[in-house]
Amino acid sequence: MLWWEDHDQVNIKWSQQMEQCYGQTQRSRLAPDRPEQRKYRRFSASYPVHVKFHLEDSVSELQAVTKDVSIGGLLVETASPIPQHCLVDFIMTLHGGPVTRPIQVIGEGEVARVERHGPGAGFAIAIKCKREIQLNLPELAS
């Protein structure tokens, strides 16, 4: 089996595990007459995320926490804003509950939406991924 085929299988398992862990997805909470517009299921989850982004000629980094997650994107909360349409790379660390050891998930995407919570209350930042987020498994790449 080629490494990317194995990698795809791991990502399918990760998505299934998220569904088992968090059960009720965001989609199941919608009114029955309101069609789902999303390509992937979202899961309410709170995990730390390290976000890196480029502004002009410099690279900035910040820490955030997920509010919800799908393999196609995530909504994070942070103290500092990131400009809309800014390209980002991120590493999310899954831990606790049924996860026996920390697992890193990586992705890259674009800031789709930025909402201010209020003065001094931080920001909600929606990130749409360029491709499905991946488990960070360096042993598969070798």
N, C-alpha and C. Protein backbone atom coordinates (compact mmCIF):
# COMPACT_ATOMS: atom_id res chain seq x y z
N MET A 1 0.85 -1.18 0.00
CA MET A 1 0.00 0.00 0.00
C MET A 1 0.90 1.24 0.00
N LEU A 2 0.58 2.20 -0.83
CA LEU A 2 1.34 3.44 -0.90
C LEU A 2 1.04 4.30 0.32
N TRP A 3 2.01 5.15 0.74
CA TRP A 3 1.83 5.92 1.98
C TRP A 3 0.60 6.79 1.95
N TRP A 4 0.24 7.39 0.78
CA TRP A 4 -0.92 8.28 0.76
C TRP A 4 -2.22 7.50 0.87
N GLU A 5 -2.24 6.26 0.39
CA GLU A 5 -3.44 5.44 0.57
C GLU A 5 -3.65 5.14 2.04
N ASP A 6 -2.55 4.80 2.73
CA ASP A 6 -2.61 4.54 4.17
C ASP A 6 -3.03 5.82 4.90
N HIS A 7 -2.49 6.95 4.46
CA HIS A 7 -2.81 8.25 5.04
C HIS A 7 -4.30 8.54 4.90
N ASP A 8 -4.89 8.26 3.73
CA ASP A 8 -6.33 8.46 3.52
C ASP A 8 -7.14 7.60 4.47
N GLN A 9 -6.72 6.35 4.66
CA GLN A 9 -7.43 5.46 5.58
C GLN A 9 -7.38 5.99 7.01
N VAL A 10 -6.24 6.53 7.42
CA VAL A 10 -6.10 7.10 8.76
C VAL A 10 -7.05 8.28 8.91
N ASN A 11 -7.17 9.13 7.87
CA ASN A 11 -8.06 10.29 7.95
C ASN A 11 -9.52 9.88 8.02
N ILE A 12 -9.90 8.82 7.32
CA ILE A 12 -11.27 8.32 7.42
C ILE A 12 -11.52 7.83 8.84
N LYS A 13 -10.56 7.11 9.41
CA LYS A 13 -10.70 6.62 10.78
C LYS A 13 -10.78 7.79 11.76
N TRP A 14 -9.98 8.86 11.51
CA TRP A 14 -10.03 10.02 12.40
C TRP A 14 -11.41 10.66 12.38
N SER A 15 -11.98 10.81 11.19
CA SER A 15 -13.31 11.39 11.08
C SER A 15 -14.35 10.53 11.78
N GLN A 16 -14.24 9.21 11.63
CA GLN A 16 -15.17 8.31 12.30
C GLN A 16 -15.00 8.38 13.81
N GLN A 17 -13.74 8.49 14.27
CA GLN A 17 -13.50 8.58 15.71
C GLN A 17 -14.08 9.87 16.27
N MET A 18 -13.95 10.97 15.54
CA MET A 18 -14.53 12.24 15.99
C MET A 18 -16.04 12.09 16.14
N GLU A 19 -16.66 11.40 15.19
CA GLU A 19 -18.11 11.21 15.25
C GLU A 19 -18.48 10.36 16.47
N GLN A 20 -17.70 9.32 16.74
CA GLN A 20 -17.99 8.49 17.91
C GLN A 20 -17.78 9.26 19.20
N CYS A 21 -16.72 10.06 19.26
CA CYS A 21 -16.40 10.81 20.48
C CYS A 21 -17.43 11.88 20.78
N TYR A 22 -17.83 12.59 19.75
CA TYR A 22 -18.68 13.75 19.97
C TYR A 22 -20.12 13.51 19.57
N GLY A 23 -20.39 12.33 19.03
CA GLY A 23 -21.75 11.90 18.74
C GLY A 23 -22.54 12.91 17.94
N GLN A 24 -23.26 13.76 18.63
CA GLN A 24 -24.14 14.71 17.97
C GLN A 24 -23.31 15.77 17.26
N THR A 25 -23.45 15.83 15.96
CA THR A 25 -22.70 16.80 15.18
C THR A 25 -23.50 18.09 15.08
N GLN A 26 -22.85 19.11 14.57
CA GLN A 26 -23.53 20.38 14.36
C GLN A 26 -24.71 20.20 13.41
N ARG A 27 -24.56 19.34 12.38
CA ARG A 27 -25.61 19.15 11.39
C ARG A 27 -26.87 18.60 12.06
N SER A 28 -26.73 17.67 13.00
CA SER A 28 -27.90 17.06 13.61
C SER A 28 -28.65 18.04 14.50
N ARG A 29 -28.04 19.16 14.83
CA ARG A 29 -28.70 20.16 15.66
C ARG A 29 -29.54 21.15 14.85
N LEU A 30 -29.41 21.12 13.52
CA LEU A 30 -30.18 22.04 12.68
C LEU A 30 -31.64 21.63 12.64
N ALA A 31 -32.47 22.58 12.34
CA ALA A 31 -33.90 22.27 12.18
C ALA A 31 -34.06 21.30 11.02
N PRO A 32 -35.00 20.34 11.11
CA PRO A 32 -35.14 19.34 10.07
C PRO A 32 -35.48 19.91 8.69
N ASP A 33 -36.10 21.08 8.63
CA ASP A 33 -36.47 21.65 7.34
C ASP A 33 -35.37 22.53 6.75
N ARG A 34 -34.27 22.68 7.48
CA ARG A 34 -33.16 23.50 7.00
C ARG A 34 -32.07 22.59 6.43
N PRO A 35 -31.84 22.63 5.11
CA PRO A 35 -30.85 21.74 4.52
C PRO A 35 -29.43 22.12 4.93
N GLU A 36 -28.60 21.12 5.08
CA GLU A 36 -27.19 21.33 5.42
C GLU A 36 -26.45 21.84 4.20
N GLN A 37 -25.70 22.93 4.35
CA GLN A 37 -24.98 23.52 3.24
C GLN A 37 -23.50 23.14 3.25
N ARG A 38 -23.08 22.39 4.24
CA ARG A 38 -21.67 22.07 4.39
C ARG A 38 -21.32 20.75 3.75
N LYS A 39 -20.08 20.67 3.28
CA LYS A 39 -19.58 19.46 2.65
C LYS A 39 -19.22 18.41 3.70
N TYR A 40 -18.73 18.85 4.87
CA TYR A 40 -18.28 17.94 5.92
C TYR A 40 -19.06 18.20 7.21
N ARG A 41 -19.19 17.16 8.02
CA ARG A 41 -19.81 17.32 9.33
C ARG A 41 -18.90 18.11 10.24
N ARG A 42 -19.52 18.90 11.10
CA ARG A 42 -18.77 19.67 12.10
C ARG A 42 -18.97 19.03 13.46
N PHE A 43 -17.94 19.10 14.28
CA PHE A 43 -17.98 18.56 15.63
C PHE A 43 -17.62 19.66 16.61
N SER A 44 -18.43 19.84 17.64
CA SER A 44 -18.09 20.78 18.70
C SER A 44 -16.94 20.17 19.48
N ALA A 45 -15.82 20.86 19.53
CA ALA A 45 -14.64 20.35 20.21
C ALA A 45 -13.76 21.52 20.60
N SER A 46 -13.07 21.38 21.71
CA SER A 46 -12.19 22.42 22.20
C SER A 46 -10.77 21.87 22.29
N TYR A 47 -9.93 22.22 21.31
CA TYR A 47 -8.54 21.78 21.28
C TYR A 47 -7.64 22.98 21.01
N PRO A 48 -6.41 22.94 21.53
CA PRO A 48 -5.47 24.03 21.22
C PRO A 48 -5.00 23.96 19.77
N VAL A 49 -4.82 25.14 19.19
CA VAL A 49 -4.38 25.24 17.80
C VAL A 49 -3.28 26.29 17.72
N HIS A 50 -2.19 25.92 17.09
CA HIS A 50 -1.10 26.87 16.81
C HIS A 50 -1.29 27.31 15.36
N VAL A 51 -1.49 28.61 15.14
CA VAL A 51 -1.78 29.16 13.81
C VAL A 51 -0.61 30.03 13.37
N LYS A 52 -0.18 29.83 12.13
CA LYS A 52 0.89 30.64 11.54
C LYS A 52 0.34 31.28 10.28
N PHE A 53 0.60 32.59 10.11
CA PHE A 53 0.10 33.29 8.93
C PHE A 53 1.08 34.37 8.51
N HIS A 54 1.00 34.76 7.23
CA HIS A 54 1.90 35.75 6.66
C HIS A 54 1.17 37.08 6.51
N LEU A 55 1.80 38.13 6.98
CA LEU A 55 1.32 39.50 6.78
C LEU A 55 2.44 40.28 6.14
N GLU A 56 2.23 40.67 4.91
CA GLU A 56 3.23 41.37 4.13
C GLU A 56 4.51 40.53 4.10
N ASP A 57 5.60 41.04 4.67
CA ASP A 57 6.87 40.31 4.63
C ASP A 57 7.21 39.59 5.92
N SER A 58 6.26 39.50 6.84
CA SER A 58 6.56 38.86 8.11
C SER A 58 5.62 37.68 8.37
N VAL A 59 6.07 36.79 9.23
CA VAL A 59 5.27 35.63 9.64
C VAL A 59 4.83 35.87 11.07
N SER A 60 3.54 35.71 11.31
CA SER A 60 2.99 35.86 12.66
C SER A 60 2.45 34.52 13.12
N GLU A 61 2.46 34.33 14.43
CA GLU A 61 1.94 33.10 15.01
C GLU A 61 1.07 33.46 16.20
N LEU A 62 0.05 32.64 16.43
CA LEU A 62 -0.77 32.85 17.62
C LEU A 62 -1.37 31.53 18.07
N GLN A 63 -1.81 31.53 19.31
CA GLN A 63 -2.47 30.36 19.88
C GLN A 63 -3.98 30.59 19.85
N ALA A 64 -4.71 29.55 19.54
CA ALA A 64 -6.17 29.63 19.48
C ALA A 64 -6.74 28.36 20.09
N VAL A 65 -8.06 28.32 20.21
CA VAL A 65 -8.77 27.14 20.69
C VAL A 65 -9.93 26.89 19.75
N THR A 66 -10.14 25.64 19.35
CA THR A 66 -11.23 25.34 18.44
C THR A 66 -12.57 25.47 19.15
N LYS A 67 -13.55 25.89 18.39
CA LYS A 67 -14.93 25.90 18.85
C LYS A 67 -15.67 24.75 18.16
N ASP A 68 -15.43 24.59 16.86
CA ASP A 68 -15.89 23.41 16.15
C ASP A 68 -14.89 23.05 15.06
N VAL A 69 -14.94 21.78 14.65
CA VAL A 69 -13.94 21.22 13.75
C VAL A 69 -14.62 20.33 12.72
N SER A 70 -14.14 20.37 11.49
CA SER A 70 -14.48 19.38 10.48
C SER A 70 -13.20 19.10 9.72
N ILE A 71 -13.21 18.09 8.85
CA ILE A 71 -11.98 17.84 8.10
C ILE A 71 -11.80 18.86 6.98
N GLY A 72 -12.79 19.72 6.78
CA GLY A 72 -12.69 20.76 5.76
C GLY A 72 -12.46 22.16 6.31
N GLY A 73 -12.40 22.29 7.63
CA GLY A 73 -12.16 23.60 8.21
C GLY A 73 -12.43 23.60 9.70
N LEU A 74 -12.21 24.76 10.31
CA LEU A 74 -12.45 24.88 11.73
C LEU A 74 -12.79 26.31 12.10
N LEU A 75 -13.46 26.42 13.23
CA LEU A 75 -13.76 27.71 13.82
C LEU A 75 -12.95 27.80 15.09
N VAL A 76 -12.10 28.83 15.18
CA VAL A 76 -11.25 29.00 16.35
C VAL A 76 -11.57 30.30 17.05
N GLU A 77 -11.26 30.33 18.34
CA GLU A 77 -11.37 31.55 19.12
C GLU A 77 -9.98 31.95 19.55
N THR A 78 -9.69 33.25 19.44
CA THR A 78 -8.37 33.76 19.77
C THR A 78 -8.47 35.20 20.26
N ALA A 79 -7.43 35.64 20.93
CA ALA A 79 -7.40 37.00 21.46
C ALA A 79 -7.10 38.03 20.37
N SER A 80 -6.41 37.62 19.31
CA SER A 80 -6.00 38.54 18.25
C SER A 80 -6.66 38.17 16.93
N PRO A 81 -6.96 39.16 16.10
CA PRO A 81 -7.58 38.85 14.80
C PRO A 81 -6.54 38.39 13.78
N ILE A 82 -7.01 37.73 12.76
CA ILE A 82 -6.23 37.42 11.56
C ILE A 82 -7.06 38.00 10.42
N PRO A 83 -6.46 38.75 9.51
CA PRO A 83 -7.24 39.36 8.43
C PRO A 83 -7.97 38.33 7.58
N GLN A 84 -9.18 38.70 7.16
CA GLN A 84 -9.96 37.84 6.28
C GLN A 84 -9.17 37.61 4.99
N HIS A 85 -9.29 36.44 4.41
CA HIS A 85 -8.62 35.99 3.18
C HIS A 85 -7.13 35.73 3.37
N CYS A 86 -6.62 35.86 4.59
CA CYS A 86 -5.22 35.59 4.87
C CYS A 86 -4.99 34.07 4.81
N LEU A 87 -3.88 33.65 4.24
CA LEU A 87 -3.53 32.23 4.19
C LEU A 87 -2.90 31.83 5.52
N VAL A 88 -3.29 30.65 6.02
CA VAL A 88 -2.80 30.19 7.32
C VAL A 88 -2.37 28.72 7.24
N ASP A 89 -1.46 28.36 8.12
CA ASP A 89 -1.09 26.97 8.39
C ASP A 89 -1.40 26.74 9.86
N PHE A 90 -1.84 25.54 10.21
CA PHE A 90 -2.14 25.31 11.62
C PHE A 90 -1.80 23.90 12.04
N ILE A 91 -1.56 23.75 13.34
CA ILE A 91 -1.37 22.45 13.98
C ILE A 91 -2.33 22.41 15.15
N MET A 92 -3.24 21.44 15.14
CA MET A 92 -4.20 21.27 16.22
C MET A 92 -3.78 20.02 17.00
N THR A 93 -3.83 20.10 18.32
CA THR A 93 -3.46 18.97 19.16
C THR A 93 -4.69 18.38 19.82
N LEU A 94 -5.02 17.14 19.45
CA LEU A 94 -6.15 16.43 20.04
C LEU A 94 -5.66 15.71 21.28
N HIS A 95 -6.43 15.82 22.37
CA HIS A 95 -6.05 15.14 23.61
C HIS A 95 -7.26 15.01 24.51
N GLY A 96 -7.15 14.16 25.50
CA GLY A 96 -8.23 13.98 26.48
C GLY A 96 -9.32 13.06 25.98
N GLY A 97 -10.25 12.74 26.86
CA GLY A 97 -11.37 11.86 26.52
C GLY A 97 -10.88 10.52 26.01
N PRO A 98 -11.38 10.08 24.87
CA PRO A 98 -10.96 8.78 24.34
C PRO A 98 -9.58 8.79 23.69
N VAL A 99 -8.95 9.96 23.54
CA VAL A 99 -7.62 10.04 22.94
C VAL A 99 -6.60 9.73 24.03
N THR A 100 -5.89 8.60 23.89
CA THR A 100 -4.98 8.16 24.95
C THR A 100 -3.66 8.91 24.96
N ARG A 101 -3.24 9.42 23.83
CA ARG A 101 -2.03 10.24 23.78
C ARG A 101 -2.29 11.38 22.80
N PRO A 102 -1.64 12.52 23.00
CA PRO A 102 -1.88 13.65 22.10
C PRO A 102 -1.61 13.29 20.63
N ILE A 103 -2.49 13.77 19.76
CA ILE A 103 -2.37 13.55 18.32
C ILE A 103 -2.38 14.92 17.66
N GLN A 104 -1.46 15.14 16.75
CA GLN A 104 -1.43 16.41 16.02
C GLN A 104 -2.11 16.26 14.67
N VAL A 105 -2.90 17.28 14.33
CA VAL A 105 -3.58 17.36 13.05
C VAL A 105 -3.09 18.64 12.39
N ILE A 106 -2.75 18.56 11.11
CA ILE A 106 -2.21 19.73 10.42
C ILE A 106 -3.12 20.12 9.26
N GLY A 107 -3.03 21.38 8.90
CA GLY A 107 -3.81 21.85 7.77
C GLY A 107 -3.34 23.20 7.30
N GLU A 108 -3.85 23.59 6.15
CA GLU A 108 -3.60 24.92 5.62
C GLU A 108 -4.88 25.39 4.96
N GLY A 109 -5.09 26.69 5.02
CA GLY A 109 -6.31 27.21 4.44
C GLY A 109 -6.31 28.71 4.38
N GLU A 110 -7.53 29.24 4.33
CA GLU A 110 -7.73 30.69 4.21
C GLU A 110 -8.76 31.13 5.23
N VAL A 111 -8.54 32.29 5.81
CA VAL A 111 -9.51 32.84 6.76
C VAL A 111 -10.75 33.25 5.97
N ALA A 112 -11.86 32.60 6.27
CA ALA A 112 -13.11 32.86 5.56
C ALA A 112 -13.96 33.92 6.24
N ARG A 113 -13.83 34.02 7.57
CA ARG A 113 -14.67 34.96 8.32
C ARG A 113 -13.99 35.31 9.64
N VAL A 114 -14.14 36.57 10.04
CA VAL A 114 -13.62 37.03 11.33
C VAL A 114 -14.75 37.77 12.03
N GLU A 115 -15.06 37.37 13.25
CA GLU A 115 -16.10 38.04 14.04
C GLU A 115 -15.52 38.47 15.37
N ARG A 116 -15.75 39.72 15.71
CA ARG A 116 -15.29 40.24 17.00
C ARG A 116 -16.35 39.90 18.05
N HIS A 117 -15.92 39.33 19.18
CA HIS A 117 -16.85 38.99 20.25
C HIS A 117 -17.29 40.21 21.06
N GLY A 118 -16.48 41.22 21.08
CA GLY A 118 -16.77 42.42 21.86
C GLY A 118 -15.46 42.99 22.36
N PRO A 119 -15.48 44.20 22.91
CA PRO A 119 -14.24 44.83 23.39
C PRO A 119 -13.52 43.93 24.40
N GLY A 120 -12.28 43.58 24.07
CA GLY A 120 -11.46 42.77 24.97
C GLY A 120 -11.88 41.31 25.07
N ALA A 121 -12.86 40.87 24.28
CA ALA A 121 -13.38 39.50 24.39
C ALA A 121 -12.82 38.55 23.33
N GLY A 122 -12.05 39.03 22.41
CA GLY A 122 -11.44 38.16 21.42
C GLY A 122 -12.23 38.05 20.13
N PHE A 123 -11.85 37.06 19.32
CA PHE A 123 -12.37 36.91 17.97
C PHE A 123 -12.71 35.45 17.67
N ALA A 124 -13.70 35.25 16.83
CA ALA A 124 -14.01 33.95 16.25
C ALA A 124 -13.53 34.01 14.81
N ILE A 125 -12.70 33.04 14.42
CA ILE A 125 -12.11 33.04 13.09
C ILE A 125 -12.42 31.71 12.41
N ALA A 126 -13.10 31.78 11.27
CA ALA A 126 -13.43 30.59 10.49
C ALA A 126 -12.33 30.38 9.45
N ILE A 127 -11.78 29.17 9.43
CA ILE A 127 -10.72 28.82 8.48
C ILE A 127 -11.26 27.74 7.55
N LYS A 128 -11.23 28.02 6.26
CA LYS A 128 -11.63 27.03 5.26
C LYS A 128 -10.34 26.42 4.71
N CYS A 129 -10.23 25.10 4.81
CA CYS A 129 -9.01 24.41 4.40
C CYS A 129 -8.91 24.27 2.89
N LYS A 130 -7.67 24.31 2.39
CA LYS A 130 -7.42 24.08 0.97
C LYS A 130 -7.71 22.64 0.60
N ARG A 131 -7.41 21.73 1.52
CA ARG A 131 -7.71 20.31 1.36
C ARG A 131 -8.01 19.78 2.76
N GLU A 132 -8.52 18.57 2.84
CA GLU A 132 -8.90 18.00 4.12
C GLU A 132 -7.73 18.02 5.10
N ILE A 133 -8.03 18.33 6.36
CA ILE A 133 -6.96 18.32 7.35
C ILE A 133 -6.45 16.89 7.54
N GLN A 134 -5.20 16.79 7.90
CA GLN A 134 -4.51 15.51 7.94
C GLN A 134 -3.91 15.25 9.31
N LEU A 135 -3.85 13.98 9.68
CA LEU A 135 -3.09 13.61 10.86
C LEU A 135 -1.62 13.83 10.55
N ASN A 136 -0.88 14.34 11.51
CA ASN A 136 0.54 14.60 11.33
C ASN A 136 1.29 13.31 11.67
N LEU A 137 1.49 12.48 10.65
CA LEU A 137 2.15 11.19 10.84
C LEU A 137 3.42 11.14 10.01
N PRO A 138 4.52 11.68 10.54
CA PRO A 138 5.76 11.74 9.75
C PRO A 138 6.25 10.37 9.30
N GLU A 139 5.93 9.31 10.05
CA GLU A 139 6.42 7.98 9.65
C GLU A 139 5.79 7.51 8.35
N LEU A 140 4.62 8.05 7.96
CA LEU A 140 4.01 7.66 6.69
C LEU A 140 4.72 8.30 5.49
N ALA A 141 5.35 9.45 5.71
CA ALA A 141 6.00 10.16 4.62
C ALA A 141 7.37 9.58 4.29
N SER A 142 7.94 8.78 5.17
CA SER A 142 9.28 8.27 4.92
C SER A 142 9.29 6.99 4.14
